[in-house]
Amino acid sequence: ADTEIREATEVQNIQLADGNICQKFNIPIYMIFPRLFTCITTISKTFKIEFEVNVVVLFKDTHMLTENFPIKLCRIPTKYNF
């Protein structure tokens, strides 16, 4: 029988905005994941390692909106890769 075990670990947590944000104001999200705590997305017959970004919006009246987005991490070859 196929058994799936999911384990979540927080790799990075950043705050993008605070206070009264203008309506229809785009807030770009750029993140560099720490190399020591992440690896490329890996899928094989016996296991897989996948990542997702969890976006949490906390409103002033303590209402919270959350959404998860799956992401695929790739290593881009450069002359500095070891």
N, C-alpha and C. Protein backbone atom coordinates (compact mmCIF):
# COMPACT_ATOMS: atom_id res chain seq x y z
N ALA A 1 0.85 -1.19 0.00
CA ALA A 1 0.00 0.00 0.00
C ALA A 1 0.88 1.24 0.00
N ASP A 2 0.48 2.24 -0.78
CA ASP A 2 1.22 3.50 -0.82
C ASP A 2 0.89 4.33 0.40
N THR A 3 1.93 4.76 1.08
CA THR A 3 1.77 5.59 2.26
C THR A 3 2.48 6.90 2.02
N GLU A 4 1.82 7.99 2.30
CA GLU A 4 2.43 9.29 2.13
C GLU A 4 2.62 9.94 3.48
N ILE A 5 3.83 10.34 3.75
CA ILE A 5 4.14 11.05 4.99
C ILE A 5 4.59 12.44 4.59
N ARG A 6 3.91 13.44 5.12
CA ARG A 6 4.26 14.83 4.81
C ARG A 6 4.89 15.46 6.05
N GLU A 7 5.99 16.13 5.83
CA GLU A 7 6.65 16.83 6.92
C GLU A 7 6.95 18.25 6.47
N ALA A 8 6.46 19.21 7.22
CA ALA A 8 6.66 20.62 6.87
C ALA A 8 7.73 21.22 7.77
N THR A 9 8.63 21.96 7.16
CA THR A 9 9.69 22.65 7.87
C THR A 9 9.77 24.07 7.34
N GLU A 10 9.77 25.04 8.23
CA GLU A 10 9.88 26.43 7.80
C GLU A 10 11.33 26.72 7.47
N VAL A 11 11.58 27.07 6.22
CA VAL A 11 12.93 27.37 5.77
C VAL A 11 13.23 28.86 5.90
N GLN A 12 12.24 29.67 5.55
CA GLN A 12 12.44 31.12 5.59
C GLN A 12 11.11 31.81 5.84
N ASN A 13 11.15 32.89 6.58
CA ASN A 13 9.95 33.65 6.91
C ASN A 13 10.28 35.12 6.73
N ILE A 14 9.55 35.80 5.84
CA ILE A 14 9.80 37.23 5.63
C ILE A 14 8.49 38.00 5.70
N GLN A 15 8.57 39.23 6.18
CA GLN A 15 7.42 40.13 6.21
C GLN A 15 7.59 41.11 5.06
N LEU A 16 6.55 41.20 4.22
CA LEU A 16 6.65 42.04 3.02
C LEU A 16 6.08 43.43 3.20
N ALA A 17 5.08 43.59 4.05
CA ALA A 17 4.45 44.90 4.20
C ALA A 17 3.85 45.01 5.60
N ASP A 18 3.61 46.25 6.02
CA ASP A 18 3.00 46.49 7.32
C ASP A 18 2.29 47.84 7.23
N GLY A 19 1.17 47.95 7.89
CA GLY A 19 0.46 49.22 7.91
C GLY A 19 -0.62 49.32 6.85
N ASN A 20 -1.00 50.51 6.51
CA ASN A 20 -2.08 50.76 5.56
C ASN A 20 -1.53 50.69 4.14
N ILE A 21 -1.75 49.58 3.45
CA ILE A 21 -1.25 49.37 2.10
C ILE A 21 -2.28 49.89 1.09
N CYS A 22 -1.83 50.62 0.10
CA CYS A 22 -2.74 51.16 -0.94
C CYS A 22 -3.43 50.02 -1.68
N GLN A 23 -4.71 50.24 -2.00
CA GLN A 23 -5.45 49.24 -2.77
C GLN A 23 -4.85 49.11 -4.17
N LYS A 24 -4.90 47.89 -4.70
CA LYS A 24 -4.38 47.56 -6.04
C LYS A 24 -2.90 47.89 -6.18
N PHE A 25 -2.18 47.84 -5.07
CA PHE A 25 -0.74 48.09 -5.07
C PHE A 25 -0.02 46.74 -5.16
N ASN A 26 0.77 46.53 -6.20
CA ASN A 26 1.50 45.28 -6.36
C ASN A 26 2.69 45.23 -5.41
N ILE A 27 2.83 44.11 -4.73
CA ILE A 27 3.97 43.90 -3.85
C ILE A 27 4.75 42.70 -4.41
N PRO A 28 5.88 42.96 -5.07
CA PRO A 28 6.64 41.84 -5.65
C PRO A 28 7.29 41.00 -4.55
N ILE A 29 7.39 39.71 -4.82
CA ILE A 29 8.00 38.79 -3.87
C ILE A 29 9.23 38.17 -4.54
N TYR A 30 10.40 38.48 -4.03
CA TYR A 30 11.65 37.90 -4.51
C TYR A 30 12.32 37.23 -3.31
N MET A 31 12.62 35.96 -3.45
CA MET A 31 13.25 35.25 -2.34
C MET A 31 14.42 34.43 -2.86
N ILE A 32 15.49 34.43 -2.12
CA ILE A 32 16.61 33.53 -2.38
C ILE A 32 16.63 32.55 -1.22
N PHE A 33 16.42 31.29 -1.54
CA PHE A 33 16.37 30.27 -0.49
C PHE A 33 17.78 29.91 -0.04
N PRO A 34 17.97 29.71 1.26
CA PRO A 34 19.30 29.37 1.76
C PRO A 34 19.74 28.00 1.23
N ARG A 35 20.92 27.96 0.66
CA ARG A 35 21.43 26.74 0.01
C ARG A 35 21.58 25.57 0.97
N LEU A 36 21.89 25.84 2.22
CA LEU A 36 22.12 24.76 3.18
C LEU A 36 20.83 24.10 3.65
N PHE A 37 19.67 24.72 3.42
CA PHE A 37 18.40 24.18 3.91
C PHE A 37 17.44 23.76 2.81
N THR A 38 17.85 23.87 1.57
CA THR A 38 16.98 23.49 0.46
C THR A 38 17.78 22.67 -0.55
N CYS A 39 17.06 21.96 -1.37
CA CYS A 39 17.67 21.21 -2.47
C CYS A 39 16.72 21.31 -3.65
N ILE A 40 17.13 20.78 -4.78
CA ILE A 40 16.25 20.82 -5.93
C ILE A 40 15.05 19.91 -5.68
N THR A 41 13.95 20.19 -6.36
CA THR A 41 12.78 19.32 -6.28
C THR A 41 13.17 17.96 -6.83
N THR A 42 12.90 16.90 -6.06
CA THR A 42 13.32 15.56 -6.43
C THR A 42 12.15 14.60 -6.35
N ILE A 43 11.90 13.86 -7.42
CA ILE A 43 10.81 12.88 -7.43
C ILE A 43 11.37 11.57 -7.99
N SER A 44 11.25 10.49 -7.20
CA SER A 44 11.68 9.16 -7.64
C SER A 44 10.57 8.16 -7.32
N LYS A 45 10.82 6.89 -7.57
CA LYS A 45 9.79 5.88 -7.31
C LYS A 45 9.53 5.70 -5.82
N THR A 46 10.53 5.89 -4.97
CA THR A 46 10.38 5.60 -3.55
C THR A 46 10.17 6.83 -2.66
N PHE A 47 10.53 8.01 -3.13
CA PHE A 47 10.33 9.21 -2.31
C PHE A 47 10.31 10.43 -3.20
N LYS A 48 9.85 11.55 -2.63
CA LYS A 48 9.92 12.82 -3.34
C LYS A 48 10.12 13.95 -2.34
N ILE A 49 10.79 14.96 -2.81
CA ILE A 49 11.01 16.18 -2.01
C ILE A 49 10.45 17.32 -2.83
N GLU A 50 9.43 17.97 -2.29
CA GLU A 50 8.78 19.07 -2.98
C GLU A 50 8.67 20.25 -2.03
N PHE A 51 8.45 21.42 -2.59
CA PHE A 51 8.40 22.64 -1.79
C PHE A 51 7.14 23.43 -2.14
N GLU A 52 6.74 24.26 -1.21
CA GLU A 52 5.63 25.17 -1.47
C GLU A 52 5.86 26.45 -0.68
N VAL A 53 5.26 27.51 -1.19
CA VAL A 53 5.30 28.80 -0.51
C VAL A 53 3.94 29.02 0.12
N ASN A 54 3.94 29.33 1.39
CA ASN A 54 2.70 29.61 2.11
C ASN A 54 2.61 31.12 2.31
N VAL A 55 1.59 31.74 1.72
CA VAL A 55 1.39 33.18 1.86
C VAL A 55 0.30 33.39 2.90
N VAL A 56 0.63 34.19 3.90
CA VAL A 56 -0.30 34.48 4.99
C VAL A 56 -0.52 35.99 5.03
N VAL A 57 -1.77 36.41 4.95
CA VAL A 57 -2.12 37.82 5.07
C VAL A 57 -2.90 37.98 6.37
N LEU A 58 -2.37 38.78 7.28
CA LEU A 58 -3.02 39.03 8.56
C LEU A 58 -3.55 40.45 8.56
N PHE A 59 -4.86 40.58 8.68
CA PHE A 59 -5.50 41.88 8.65
C PHE A 59 -5.53 42.49 10.05
N LYS A 60 -5.75 43.79 10.11
CA LYS A 60 -5.75 44.53 11.37
C LYS A 60 -6.75 43.97 12.37
N ASP A 61 -7.91 43.51 11.87
CA ASP A 61 -8.94 42.98 12.77
C ASP A 61 -8.70 41.49 13.09
N THR A 62 -7.50 41.02 12.90
CA THR A 62 -7.03 39.65 13.18
C THR A 62 -7.59 38.59 12.25
N HIS A 63 -8.31 38.96 11.20
CA HIS A 63 -8.69 37.98 10.19
C HIS A 63 -7.44 37.56 9.43
N MET A 64 -7.39 36.29 9.06
CA MET A 64 -6.22 35.78 8.39
C MET A 64 -6.62 35.08 7.09
N LEU A 65 -5.85 35.33 6.05
CA LEU A 65 -6.06 34.70 4.75
C LEU A 65 -4.77 33.96 4.41
N THR A 66 -4.88 32.66 4.08
CA THR A 66 -3.71 31.87 3.74
C THR A 66 -3.92 31.15 2.41
N GLU A 67 -2.83 30.97 1.68
CA GLU A 67 -2.89 30.19 0.45
C GLU A 67 -1.51 29.57 0.21
N ASN A 68 -1.51 28.32 -0.24
CA ASN A 68 -0.27 27.60 -0.51
C ASN A 68 -0.06 27.50 -2.02
N PHE A 69 1.18 27.73 -2.44
CA PHE A 69 1.54 27.65 -3.85
C PHE A 69 2.69 26.66 -4.01
N PRO A 70 2.49 25.58 -4.76
CA PRO A 70 3.61 24.67 -5.00
C PRO A 70 4.66 25.34 -5.88
N ILE A 71 5.91 25.08 -5.59
CA ILE A 71 7.00 25.63 -6.39
C ILE A 71 7.97 24.51 -6.75
N LYS A 72 8.69 24.68 -7.83
CA LYS A 72 9.71 23.73 -8.25
C LYS A 72 11.05 24.44 -8.16
N LEU A 73 11.95 23.89 -7.35
CA LEU A 73 13.28 24.48 -7.19
C LEU A 73 14.25 23.80 -8.14
N CYS A 74 14.99 24.61 -8.86
CA CYS A 74 15.98 24.11 -9.81
C CYS A 74 17.32 24.75 -9.49
N ARG A 75 18.37 24.07 -9.85
CA ARG A 75 19.70 24.66 -9.70
C ARG A 75 20.12 25.17 -11.06
N ILE A 76 20.49 26.43 -11.12
CA ILE A 76 20.93 27.04 -12.37
C ILE A 76 22.45 26.93 -12.44
N PRO A 77 22.95 26.25 -13.45
CA PRO A 77 24.41 26.09 -13.53
C PRO A 77 25.11 27.42 -13.74
N THR A 78 26.13 27.65 -12.95
CA THR A 78 26.99 28.83 -13.11
C THR A 78 28.42 28.37 -13.00
N LYS A 79 29.33 29.24 -13.27
CA LYS A 79 30.74 28.86 -13.16
C LYS A 79 31.18 28.75 -11.70
N TYR A 80 30.31 29.17 -10.75
CA TYR A 80 30.66 29.13 -9.33
C TYR A 80 30.07 27.93 -8.61
N ASN A 81 29.27 27.07 -9.27
CA ASN A 81 28.73 25.88 -8.61
C ASN A 81 29.86 24.91 -8.29
N PHE A 82 29.77 24.31 -7.12
CA PHE A 82 30.79 23.37 -6.69
C PHE A 82 30.32 21.96 -6.83
